[in-house]
Amino acid sequence: RRAGEGCGTMAEVLSQVALPAYDPILDYSGMVTQFGYVAFFGVSFPLAALVCMLHTMLRLRSNALRLTQLSRRPRPQAVDGVGLWATLLFFEAHVTALNSKISTPRFSAFEKE
């Protein structure tokens, strides 16, 4: 549908209302989990970032389908940030930095042998 066109018929509008509501929690949890995979396992498995990037590209297309055709349009809301997810990412970043600091000397010792 082009910008500026009407909403369509009443049946089309009613069919969109009957769709389930969009829930962004799955999107946020998936991105936080992928960040954890890359941050935790990036030291021992450098291809983790590439695998997560490919998964994100695939998920982008499936999310677009879900947002445009399989769920109701989300209502716009003014928010200051991502809320608790920012705290989780902050905590995860600090834990993974500590993990990398501890595990890097151990893995580099195996490479020298």
Protein backbone atom coordinates (compact mmCIF):
# COMPACT_ATOMS: atom_id res chain seq x y z
CA ARG A 1 0.00 0.00 0.00
CA ARG A 2 1.31 3.43 -0.91
CA ALA A 3 1.61 6.33 1.48
CA GLY A 4 -1.43 8.55 1.45
CA GLU A 5 -3.87 5.82 0.43
CA GLY A 6 -6.85 5.02 2.62
CA CYS A 7 -7.09 2.16 5.10
CA GLY A 8 -9.07 -0.02 2.73
CA THR A 9 -12.36 -1.74 3.30
CA MET A 10 -13.98 -2.27 6.68
CA ALA A 11 -13.41 -6.03 6.34
CA GLU A 12 -9.68 -5.39 5.92
CA VAL A 13 -9.60 -3.22 9.03
CA LEU A 14 -11.57 -5.79 11.05
CA SER A 15 -9.25 -8.58 9.93
CA GLN A 16 -6.25 -6.59 11.21
CA VAL A 17 -7.95 -5.99 14.56
CA ALA A 18 -8.52 -9.74 14.93
CA LEU A 19 -4.78 -10.45 14.73
CA PRO A 20 -2.83 -11.06 17.98
CA ALA A 21 -1.06 -8.10 19.58
CA TYR A 22 2.64 -7.55 18.89
CA ASP A 23 4.88 -8.42 21.84
CA PRO A 24 8.43 -6.97 21.66
CA ILE A 25 9.73 -9.09 24.57
CA LEU A 26 10.70 -11.92 22.21
CA ASP A 27 12.71 -9.49 20.07
CA TYR A 28 14.52 -7.97 23.04
CA SER A 29 15.28 -11.33 24.66
CA GLY A 30 16.64 -12.70 21.39
CA MET A 31 19.00 -9.77 20.92
CA VAL A 32 20.23 -9.91 24.53
CA THR A 33 20.83 -13.65 24.15
CA GLN A 34 22.79 -13.14 20.93
CA PHE A 35 24.89 -10.43 22.57
CA GLY A 36 25.65 -12.91 25.35
CA TYR A 37 26.71 -15.60 22.88
CA VAL A 38 29.07 -13.26 21.07
CA ALA A 39 30.46 -11.74 24.26
CA PHE A 40 30.89 -15.01 26.19
CA PHE A 41 32.07 -17.27 23.39
CA GLY A 42 33.79 -14.74 21.12
CA VAL A 43 37.14 -15.45 22.78
CA SER A 44 37.01 -19.20 22.21
CA PHE A 45 34.90 -19.21 19.01
CA PRO A 46 35.56 -16.09 16.90
CA LEU A 47 33.01 -17.14 14.26
CA ALA A 48 30.21 -16.65 16.82
CA ALA A 49 29.81 -13.07 15.63
CA LEU A 50 29.36 -14.18 12.02
CA VAL A 51 26.86 -16.87 13.00
CA CYS A 52 24.87 -14.35 15.06
CA MET A 53 24.97 -11.82 12.23
CA LEU A 54 23.55 -14.37 9.79
CA HIS A 55 20.88 -15.33 12.31
CA THR A 56 20.00 -11.66 12.83
CA MET A 57 19.63 -11.11 9.09
CA LEU A 58 17.26 -14.08 8.85
CA ARG A 59 15.36 -12.98 11.94
CA LEU A 60 14.99 -9.47 10.52
CA ARG A 61 12.99 -10.84 7.62
CA SER A 62 10.81 -13.03 9.84
CA ASN A 63 10.18 -10.11 12.21
CA ALA A 64 9.15 -7.93 9.27
CA LEU A 65 6.64 -10.57 8.22
CA ARG A 66 5.35 -10.88 11.78
CA LEU A 67 5.03 -7.10 12.20
CA THR A 68 3.33 -6.45 8.86
CA GLN A 69 1.06 -9.46 8.38
CA LEU A 70 0.86 -11.78 11.40
CA SER A 71 0.20 -9.35 14.26
CA ARG A 72 -1.57 -6.09 14.95
CA ARG A 73 0.40 -2.93 14.44
CA PRO A 74 2.03 -1.82 17.68
CA ARG A 75 0.76 1.41 19.18
CA PRO A 76 3.39 4.15 19.33
CA GLN A 77 4.46 4.99 22.88
CA ALA A 78 6.93 7.58 24.07
CA VAL A 79 9.60 5.91 26.22
CA ASP A 80 12.96 7.01 27.59
CA GLY A 81 14.87 3.84 26.69
CA VAL A 82 14.65 0.07 26.67
CA GLY A 83 14.11 -0.16 30.43
CA LEU A 84 15.32 -3.27 32.20
CA TRP A 85 16.98 -4.57 29.05
CA ALA A 86 19.65 -1.86 29.34
CA THR A 87 20.45 -3.05 32.87
CA LEU A 88 20.68 -6.65 31.66
CA LEU A 89 23.03 -5.67 28.83
CA PHE A 90 25.18 -3.63 31.23
CA PHE A 91 25.44 -6.56 33.65
CA GLU A 92 26.12 -9.02 30.84
CA ALA A 93 28.87 -6.80 29.41
CA HIS A 94 30.66 -6.61 32.77
CA VAL A 95 30.39 -10.35 33.41
CA THR A 96 31.69 -11.17 29.93
CA ALA A 97 34.58 -8.72 30.31
CA LEU A 98 35.56 -10.50 33.52
CA ASN A 99 35.11 -13.88 31.82
CA SER A 100 37.33 -12.82 28.91
CA LYS A 101 40.00 -11.53 31.26
CA ILE A 102 40.06 -14.85 33.12
CA SER A 103 39.72 -17.21 30.15
CA THR A 104 42.09 -15.56 27.65
CA PRO A 105 45.31 -16.52 29.47
CA ARG A 106 44.04 -20.08 29.86
CA PHE A 107 43.28 -20.49 26.15
CA SER A 108 46.51 -18.82 25.07
CA ALA A 109 48.45 -21.27 27.29
CA PHE A 110 47.00 -24.17 25.27
CA GLU A 111 48.09 -22.58 21.99
CA LYS A 112 51.72 -22.33 23.13
CA GLU A 113 52.00 -26.07 23.79
